[in-house]
Amino acid sequence: MRAWTALVKRAGGVDPGLVDAVFAVALTAITLVWAASDRSGTWRRPDAAAVLLTCAANLPIAVRRIVPMTALLVCSAASICHHALGYQADVNNFSSLFVLYSVAALRPLPVMTAGAAVATVAWWWAAATAQDGMALLNALQGLAIVGITCALGLGTRRLAERNRRLAELTERLRREQEDRARRAVTEERVRVAGELHDIVAHHMSVISVQAGLARYVFASDPGTARAALATVADTSHEALEEMRRLLAVLRLDHGRGDDAVYDPTPGLSQLGQLVDRVRTAGVPVELEVTGSPRALNPGVELCAYRVVQESLTNVIKHALGAGATVRLHYGGEELRVTVTDDGPCRETPGEDGHGLIGMRERVRLYRGTVISGRRPEGGFEVAATLPLSPPKGEPGEPGPVDGSDGRGRQ
């Protein structure tokens, strides 16, 4: 079976023009031998003219793929002349059919019709000059053979056109897949850039504040300096872990095996740690959670976490020492995240930078909205709303967490 498959593959790689040339020579030789050995009937015996006409009627098969209509005209004309001169009428008839097949497969329908007419005339002429008394039956047989040949050629043309269209569609699909893959890579890079900005901006702000505090009180208050340095160490370690978790997703060969376990993506359950870290940086933060907390989509949780992180980072950078409040409300169909501070009046932070721009893009990804700006009573506010699916079994707005005033505080 393998040998047969290898033979078929090897045959498929042979030049079709060479195959046609070999076939044309072989058919010419067989026809000459047949005409010379057949002494039945009263045909004119083959001579030099018969040999030349036989060659002209069969050898054009070699170029049937290049100039099929011209080859058909030559074959048919040579066959008609051969029979008109009284030579054997049952030779030099099949070559025109082979060429007609190429005309039907390679040329438009009007050209094929003309070629079929030429082949039919040649076949009928051979039937008319036959001496077996069955001219009518031979003519009908020739008409049927010409029709079948044209049908086979048309089928081959349709198959070739279908294969061509399939190849075009396959190439188009390949290009579209490559475009989608490039877009996916670009989107992933943008997402990773946003994640890295949030991680680096927040943690480096805390580290900068704590390092400055340690340097300021290093000699006068060693205890405070040591606490500040400890916060720097913990914050830098946490930043490295988050960056390692994020970048490990992009590594093709991370060397940890397929069963490697990575730290979970930050979510709302880590808001307490985030608030504590910001408090150590010198920003009094109050966390309020209202509504009925429930499991959310990990992407929505990460989005809400990054909104709070970026907002508190802006407080550290632009209003250090001001008090901040983080409010998280679980509604029936939306999650509202609000971060406010009571710092002095200032310009909108990050308006032309990456902070609020990245925040808006992240929230927009989940069909949410972000409103940010200075408050009339002073300070700054960032309010984000993320749509949620209604909680199962609760058709209305969920009740408060602790049952009294619906506010949980940390």
Protein backbone atom coordinates (compact mmCIF):
# COMPACT_ATOMS: atom_id res chain seq x y z
CA MET A 1 0.00 0.00 0.00
CA ARG A 2 2.81 2.40 0.85
CA ALA A 3 4.59 1.54 -2.40
CA TRP A 4 1.39 2.26 -4.35
CA THR A 5 0.90 5.58 -2.56
CA ALA A 6 4.51 6.56 -3.27
CA LEU A 7 4.04 5.61 -6.93
CA VAL A 8 0.90 7.76 -7.20
CA LYS A 9 2.68 10.73 -5.63
CA ARG A 10 5.61 10.27 -7.99
CA ALA A 11 3.28 10.07 -10.98
CA GLY A 12 1.50 13.23 -9.85
CA GLY A 13 4.77 15.12 -10.04
CA VAL A 14 5.38 14.28 -13.74
CA ASP A 15 5.06 17.14 -16.22
CA PRO A 16 1.63 16.85 -17.97
CA GLY A 17 3.14 18.13 -21.20
CA LEU A 18 5.60 15.22 -21.20
CA VAL A 19 2.76 12.77 -20.60
CA ASP A 20 0.82 14.20 -23.54
CA ALA A 21 3.86 13.97 -25.81
CA VAL A 22 4.50 10.34 -24.92
CA PHE A 23 0.81 9.52 -25.38
CA ALA A 24 0.70 11.25 -28.76
CA VAL A 25 3.72 9.31 -30.05
CA ALA A 26 2.36 6.03 -28.68
CA LEU A 27 -1.09 6.57 -30.25
CA THR A 28 0.50 7.47 -33.59
CA ALA A 29 2.66 4.34 -33.57
CA ILE A 30 -0.28 2.10 -32.64
CA THR A 31 -2.42 3.63 -35.40
CA LEU A 32 0.32 3.12 -38.02
CA VAL A 33 0.84 -0.50 -37.00
CA TRP A 34 -2.92 -1.12 -36.99
CA ALA A 35 -3.38 0.38 -40.46
CA ALA A 36 -0.42 -1.55 -41.87
CA SER A 37 -1.50 -4.92 -40.43
CA ASP A 38 -5.25 -4.70 -41.19
CA ARG A 39 -5.85 -6.07 -44.70
CA SER A 40 -9.63 -6.43 -44.44
CA GLY A 41 -11.86 -4.41 -46.73
CA THR A 42 -11.08 -2.60 -49.93
CA TRP A 43 -9.24 0.30 -48.35
CA ARG A 44 -6.36 1.97 -50.07
CA ARG A 45 -3.16 0.52 -48.73
CA PRO A 46 -1.10 2.85 -46.47
CA ASP A 47 1.66 4.81 -48.19
CA ALA A 48 3.75 7.88 -47.40
CA ALA A 49 0.76 10.19 -47.67
CA ALA A 50 -1.20 8.00 -45.24
CA VAL A 51 1.68 8.03 -42.78
CA LEU A 52 1.94 11.84 -42.92
CA LEU A 53 -1.82 12.27 -42.46
CA THR A 54 -1.81 9.80 -39.57
CA CYS A 55 0.98 11.73 -37.86
CA ALA A 56 -0.90 15.00 -38.45
CA ALA A 57 -4.08 13.45 -37.01
CA ASN A 58 -2.48 12.17 -33.79
CA LEU A 59 0.67 14.08 -32.90
CA PRO A 60 -1.17 17.39 -32.07
CA ILE A 61 -2.37 15.65 -28.90
CA ALA A 62 1.02 16.67 -27.46
CA VAL A 63 -0.09 20.33 -27.39
CA ARG A 64 -3.74 19.81 -26.46
CA ARG A 65 -3.29 21.68 -23.15
CA ILE A 66 -1.55 24.65 -24.80
CA VAL A 67 -3.61 25.27 -27.98
CA PRO A 68 -6.52 22.84 -27.72
CA MET A 69 -8.73 24.38 -30.42
CA THR A 70 -5.89 24.60 -32.95
CA ALA A 71 -4.90 21.01 -32.20
CA LEU A 72 -8.52 19.89 -32.68
CA LEU A 73 -8.76 21.63 -36.08
CA VAL A 74 -5.50 20.00 -37.25
CA CYS A 75 -6.51 16.54 -36.02
CA SER A 76 -9.97 16.76 -37.58
CA ALA A 77 -8.73 18.15 -40.90
CA ALA A 78 -6.03 15.44 -41.19
CA SER A 79 -8.57 12.72 -40.34
CA ILE A 80 -11.07 13.98 -42.93
CA CYS A 81 -8.36 14.16 -45.62
CA HIS A 82 -7.16 10.66 -44.67
CA HIS A 83 -10.62 9.17 -45.12
CA ALA A 84 -11.38 11.23 -48.25
CA LEU A 85 -8.34 9.76 -49.99
CA GLY A 86 -9.74 6.27 -49.49
CA TYR A 87 -7.58 5.11 -46.62
CA GLN A 88 -8.94 2.98 -43.78
CA ALA A 89 -11.93 4.84 -42.21
CA ASP A 90 -11.79 3.33 -38.72
CA VAL A 91 -8.41 4.87 -37.81
CA ASN A 92 -7.44 8.42 -36.83
CA ASN A 93 -10.83 9.05 -35.18
CA PHE A 94 -10.10 8.97 -31.46
CA SER A 95 -7.40 11.62 -31.43
CA SER A 96 -9.96 14.38 -32.03
CA LEU A 97 -11.94 13.16 -29.00
CA PHE A 98 -8.94 13.48 -26.70
CA VAL A 99 -8.31 17.01 -27.92
CA LEU A 100 -12.03 17.85 -27.71
CA TYR A 101 -11.90 16.87 -24.01
CA SER A 102 -9.20 19.52 -23.48
CA VAL A 103 -11.25 22.11 -25.38
CA ALA A 104 -14.26 21.45 -23.14
CA ALA A 105 -12.13 21.57 -19.99
CA LEU A 106 -10.05 24.64 -20.81
CA ARG A 107 -12.05 26.88 -23.13
CA PRO A 108 -15.35 28.83 -22.79
CA LEU A 109 -18.67 27.28 -23.76
CA PRO A 110 -18.93 28.89 -27.25
CA VAL A 111 -15.47 27.58 -28.17
CA MET A 112 -16.40 24.15 -26.84
CA THR A 113 -19.56 24.15 -28.96
CA ALA A 114 -17.57 24.96 -32.08
CA GLY A 115 -15.04 22.26 -31.22
CA ALA A 116 -17.82 19.71 -30.69
CA ALA A 117 -19.22 20.58 -34.11
CA VAL A 118 -15.82 20.06 -35.74
CA ALA A 119 -15.30 16.70 -34.00
CA THR A 120 -18.84 15.59 -34.92
CA VAL A 121 -18.26 16.44 -38.59
CA ALA A 122 -15.00 14.47 -38.59
CA TRP A 123 -16.66 11.48 -36.94
CA TRP A 124 -19.68 11.59 -39.31
CA TRP A 125 -17.39 11.81 -42.30
CA ALA A 126 -15.59 8.68 -41.11
CA ALA A 127 -18.97 6.97 -40.64
CA ALA A 128 -20.11 8.02 -44.13
CA THR A 129 -16.98 6.59 -45.79
CA ALA A 130 -17.23 3.31 -43.89
CA GLN A 131 -18.00 0.20 -45.98
CA ASP A 132 -19.83 -1.85 -43.37
CA GLY A 133 -23.32 -0.58 -44.30
CA MET A 134 -23.93 0.88 -40.82
CA ALA A 135 -23.32 4.55 -41.54
CA LEU A 136 -26.40 5.73 -39.61
CA LEU A 137 -25.55 3.73 -36.52
CA ASN A 138 -21.95 4.93 -36.69
CA ALA A 139 -23.13 8.53 -36.98
CA LEU A 140 -25.35 8.17 -33.88
CA GLN A 141 -22.52 6.50 -32.05
CA GLY A 142 -20.19 9.34 -32.96
CA LEU A 143 -22.70 11.94 -31.77
CA ALA A 144 -23.05 10.13 -28.43
CA ILE A 145 -19.28 9.83 -28.02
CA VAL A 146 -18.80 13.54 -28.75
CA GLY A 147 -21.51 14.43 -26.20
CA ILE A 148 -19.96 12.24 -23.52
CA THR A 149 -16.53 13.74 -24.19
CA CYS A 150 -17.89 17.27 -23.82
CA ALA A 151 -19.68 16.29 -20.60
CA LEU A 152 -16.47 14.88 -19.14
CA GLY A 153 -14.57 18.01 -20.09
CA LEU A 154 -17.20 20.27 -18.54
CA GLY A 155 -17.11 18.20 -15.35
CA THR A 156 -13.35 18.54 -15.18
CA ARG A 157 -13.64 22.32 -15.71
CA ARG A 158 -16.22 22.67 -12.93
CA LEU A 159 -14.04 20.61 -10.61
CA ALA A 160 -11.00 22.78 -11.44
CA GLU A 161 -12.99 25.98 -10.85
CA ARG A 162 -14.31 24.60 -7.56
CA ASN A 163 -10.79 23.69 -6.48
CA ARG A 164 -9.58 27.16 -7.49
CA ARG A 165 -12.32 28.85 -5.47
CA LEU A 166 -11.59 26.54 -2.56
CA ALA A 167 -7.91 27.46 -2.73
CA GLU A 168 -8.81 31.17 -2.79
CA LEU A 169 -11.14 30.76 0.18
CA THR A 170 -8.48 28.78 2.03
CA GLU A 171 -5.90 31.50 1.38
CA ARG A 172 -8.37 34.19 2.45
CA LEU A 173 -9.17 32.24 5.61
CA ARG A 174 -5.46 31.86 6.33
CA ARG A 175 -4.93 35.61 5.96
CA GLU A 176 -7.93 36.37 8.16
CA GLN A 177 -6.67 33.97 10.81
CA GLU A 178 -3.26 35.63 10.70
CA ASP A 179 -4.91 39.05 11.00
CA ARG A 180 -7.00 37.88 13.95
CA ALA A 181 -3.92 36.39 15.57
CA ARG A 182 -2.01 39.66 15.12
CA ARG A 183 -4.93 41.65 16.53
CA ALA A 184 -5.17 39.27 19.47
CA VAL A 185 -1.45 39.67 20.15
CA THR A 186 -1.77 43.45 19.95
CA GLU A 187 -4.77 43.49 22.27
CA GLU A 188 -2.97 41.22 24.72
CA ARG A 189 0.07 43.48 24.67
CA VAL A 190 -2.13 46.49 25.36
CA ARG A 191 -3.81 44.65 28.20
CA VAL A 192 -0.46 43.61 29.67
CA ALA A 193 0.80 47.18 29.33
CA GLY A 194 -2.22 48.42 31.26
CA GLU A 195 -1.72 45.78 33.94
CA LEU A 196 1.96 46.64 34.27
CA HIS A 197 1.16 50.35 34.51
CA ASP A 198 -1.33 49.72 37.32
CA ILE A 199 1.06 47.45 39.22
CA VAL A 200 4.17 49.59 38.84
CA ALA A 201 2.44 52.93 39.42
CA HIS A 202 0.73 51.85 42.62
CA HIS A 203 3.54 49.92 44.24
CA MET A 204 6.26 52.36 43.25
CA SER A 205 4.20 55.24 44.71
CA VAL A 206 3.96 53.41 48.04
CA ILE A 207 7.66 52.49 47.94
CA SER A 208 8.66 56.09 47.13
CA VAL A 209 6.66 57.50 50.05
CA GLN A 210 7.88 54.91 52.54
CA ALA A 211 11.52 55.21 51.41
CA GLY A 212 11.37 58.98 51.77
CA LEU A 213 9.88 58.61 55.25
CA ALA A 214 12.59 56.15 56.28
CA ARG A 215 15.34 58.47 55.09
CA TYR A 216 13.77 61.42 56.88
CA VAL A 217 13.46 59.70 60.30
CA PHE A 218 16.38 57.30 59.93
CA ALA A 219 18.41 58.98 62.70
CA SER A 220 15.66 60.51 64.89
CA ASP A 221 13.16 57.62 64.92
CA PRO A 222 14.78 54.28 64.04
CA GLY A 223 11.59 52.36 64.83
CA THR A 224 9.54 54.29 62.30
CA ALA A 225 12.35 53.98 59.77
CA ARG A 226 12.46 50.21 60.23
CA ALA A 227 8.67 49.98 59.82
CA ALA A 228 8.85 52.06 56.64
CA LEU A 229 11.63 49.87 55.23
CA ALA A 230 9.60 46.76 56.07
CA THR A 231 6.69 48.21 54.13
CA VAL A 232 9.05 48.91 51.22
CA ALA A 233 10.25 45.30 51.29
CA ASP A 234 6.73 43.86 51.46
CA THR A 235 5.40 46.16 48.74
CA SER A 236 8.30 45.46 46.38
CA HIS A 237 7.91 41.73 46.96
CA GLU A 238 4.18 41.93 46.17
CA ALA A 239 4.88 43.98 43.03
CA LEU A 240 7.42 41.41 41.83
CA GLU A 241 4.97 38.57 42.46
CA GLU A 242 2.21 40.30 40.50
CA MET A 243 4.55 41.09 37.62
CA ARG A 244 5.87 37.53 37.61
CA ARG A 245 2.31 36.16 37.51
CA LEU A 246 1.37 38.51 34.69
CA LEU A 247 4.46 37.96 32.52
CA ALA A 248 4.45 34.19 33.03
CA VAL A 249 1.33 34.05 30.87
CA LEU A 250 3.34 35.38 27.91
CA ARG A 251 6.30 33.05 28.22
CA LEU A 252 6.37 30.26 25.67
CA ASP A 253 8.87 28.16 27.55
CA HIS A 254 8.58 28.91 31.25
CA GLY A 255 10.19 25.64 32.31
CA ARG A 256 7.72 25.01 35.11
CA GLY A 257 5.78 22.24 33.44
CA ASP A 258 2.18 22.12 32.32
CA ASP A 259 0.94 21.71 35.88
CA ALA A 260 2.52 24.94 37.15
CA VAL A 261 0.35 26.86 39.60
CA TYR A 262 0.27 30.65 39.43
CA ASP A 263 -0.98 33.10 42.01
CA PRO A 264 -4.62 34.10 41.57
CA THR A 265 -5.52 37.31 39.79
CA PRO A 266 -6.18 40.18 42.22
CA GLY A 267 -9.87 40.63 43.02
CA LEU A 268 -12.20 42.40 45.42
CA SER A 269 -11.23 40.01 48.22
CA GLN A 270 -7.79 41.68 48.22
CA LEU A 271 -9.17 45.20 48.70
CA GLY A 272 -8.43 45.03 52.43
CA GLN A 273 -4.74 44.38 51.78
CA LEU A 274 -4.68 47.20 49.22
CA VAL A 275 -6.26 49.62 51.70
CA ASP A 276 -3.81 48.62 54.46
CA ARG A 277 -0.87 49.18 52.13
CA VAL A 278 -2.13 52.65 51.19
CA ARG A 279 -2.67 53.49 54.86
CA THR A 280 0.96 52.68 55.58
CA ALA A 281 1.88 55.16 52.82
CA GLY A 282 0.24 57.93 54.83
CA VAL A 283 -3.25 58.07 53.34
CA PRO A 284 -6.12 57.38 55.77
CA VAL A 285 -8.51 55.17 53.82
CA GLU A 286 -11.98 54.00 54.77
CA LEU A 287 -13.55 51.06 52.97
CA GLU A 288 -17.34 50.76 52.77
CA VAL A 289 -19.11 47.77 51.22
CA THR A 290 -22.89 47.86 50.73
CA GLY A 291 -25.36 45.55 49.11
CA SER A 292 -24.97 41.78 48.99
CA PRO A 293 -21.45 40.73 48.00
CA ARG A 294 -21.43 37.74 45.66
CA ALA A 295 -19.14 35.91 43.29
CA LEU A 296 -18.48 37.92 40.15
CA ASN A 297 -16.81 37.35 36.84
CA PRO A 298 -13.01 37.35 37.45
CA GLY A 299 -12.56 39.99 34.76
CA VAL A 300 -15.09 42.30 36.43
CA GLU A 301 -13.42 41.77 39.82
CA LEU A 302 -9.99 42.58 38.39
CA CYS A 303 -11.43 45.67 36.66
CA ALA A 304 -12.98 46.97 39.90
CA TYR A 305 -9.77 46.23 41.81
CA ARG A 306 -7.66 48.15 39.29
CA VAL A 307 -10.04 51.13 39.41
CA VAL A 308 -9.61 51.34 43.20
CA GLN A 309 -5.84 50.80 42.92
CA GLU A 310 -5.35 53.50 40.28
CA SER A 311 -7.56 55.95 42.17
CA LEU A 312 -5.67 55.45 45.45
CA THR A 313 -2.37 55.72 43.59
CA ASN A 314 -3.45 59.12 42.31
CA VAL A 315 -4.31 60.14 45.87
CA ILE A 316 -0.78 59.16 46.99
CA LYS A 317 0.82 61.06 44.12
CA HIS A 318 -1.36 64.16 44.11
CA ALA A 319 -2.94 64.51 47.59
CA LEU A 320 -0.68 62.70 50.06
CA GLY A 321 -2.04 63.10 53.56
CA ALA A 322 -5.64 63.61 52.46
CA GLY A 323 -8.28 61.15 53.63
CA ALA A 324 -9.85 58.79 51.10
CA THR A 325 -13.01 56.70 51.05
CA VAL A 326 -13.61 53.63 48.93
CA ARG A 327 -17.25 52.68 48.45
CA LEU A 328 -18.25 49.40 46.88
CA HIS A 329 -21.95 48.82 46.24
CA TYR A 330 -23.35 45.51 44.93
CA GLY A 331 -26.59 46.34 43.16
CA GLY A 332 -29.02 44.02 41.47
CA GLU A 333 -27.69 44.73 37.97
CA GLU A 334 -24.53 46.75 38.53
CA LEU A 335 -21.47 47.17 40.69
CA ARG A 336 -20.66 50.77 41.68
CA VAL A 337 -17.12 51.63 42.73
CA THR A 338 -16.52 55.12 44.11
CA VAL A 339 -13.22 56.53 45.41
CA THR A 340 -13.22 60.04 46.90
CA ASP A 341 -10.67 62.11 48.75
CA ASP A 342 -10.80 65.41 50.66
CA GLY A 343 -7.53 66.77 49.42
CA PRO A 344 -6.94 70.33 48.26
CA CYS A 345 -8.23 71.54 44.92
CA ARG A 346 -5.98 70.30 42.12
CA GLU A 347 -5.95 69.61 38.41
CA THR A 348 -7.48 66.37 37.17
CA PRO A 349 -4.74 63.76 37.64
CA GLY A 350 -3.74 61.71 34.66
CA GLU A 351 -6.11 63.50 32.29
CA ASP A 352 -3.57 63.29 29.48
CA GLY A 353 -1.64 60.35 30.92
CA HIS A 354 -2.13 56.63 31.06
CA GLY A 355 -3.87 56.39 34.43
CA LEU A 356 -7.44 57.50 33.85
CA ILE A 357 -7.24 56.69 30.14
CA GLY A 358 -6.36 53.07 30.90
CA MET A 359 -9.04 52.97 33.59
CA ARG A 360 -11.72 54.12 31.14
CA GLU A 361 -10.59 51.64 28.50
CA ARG A 362 -10.65 48.80 31.03
CA VAL A 363 -14.15 49.69 32.27
CA ARG A 364 -15.44 50.20 28.72
CA LEU A 365 -14.31 46.65 27.93
CA TYR A 366 -16.99 45.42 30.36
CA ARG A 367 -19.62 47.89 29.03
CA GLY A 368 -19.25 50.11 32.08
CA THR A 369 -18.78 53.85 32.60
CA VAL A 370 -16.33 56.02 34.55
CA ILE A 371 -16.92 59.56 35.76
CA SER A 372 -14.04 61.47 37.37
CA GLY A 373 -13.48 65.05 38.41
CA ARG A 374 -13.22 67.57 41.25
CA ARG A 375 -16.02 67.68 43.78
CA PRO A 376 -17.80 70.98 44.56
CA GLU A 377 -17.04 70.57 48.27
CA GLY A 378 -13.37 69.89 47.56
CA GLY A 379 -11.30 66.86 46.77
CA PHE A 380 -11.56 64.48 43.86
CA GLU A 381 -13.90 61.61 42.95
CA VAL A 382 -13.73 58.63 40.64
CA ALA A 383 -17.01 56.73 40.12
CA ALA A 384 -17.17 53.57 38.00
CA THR A 385 -20.25 51.50 37.19
CA LEU A 386 -19.94 47.93 35.93
CA PRO A 387 -23.04 46.04 34.73
CA LEU A 388 -23.69 42.68 36.41
CA SER A 389 -26.00 39.75 35.87
CA PRO A 390 -28.89 39.73 38.36
CA PRO A 391 -28.22 37.40 41.32
CA LYS A 392 -29.99 34.06 41.11
CA GLY A 393 -33.12 33.78 43.22
CA GLU A 394 -33.24 37.53 43.97
CA PRO A 395 -35.49 39.42 41.55
CA GLY A 396 -35.07 42.78 43.27
CA GLU A 397 -32.30 44.90 44.70
CA PRO A 398 -30.25 42.93 47.27
CA GLY A 399 -30.46 44.00 50.89
CA PRO A 400 -27.66 45.32 53.10
CA VAL A 401 -24.84 43.18 54.35
CA ASP A 402 -25.22 43.70 58.09
CA GLY A 403 -28.94 44.44 58.22
CA SER A 404 -28.84 47.83 60.04
CA ASP A 405 -27.86 50.70 57.76
CA GLY A 406 -26.60 48.58 54.87
CA ARG A 407 -23.00 49.77 55.31
CA GLY A 408 -20.03 47.63 56.17
CA ARG A 409 -16.90 49.53 57.17
CA GLN A 410 -13.25 48.68 57.57
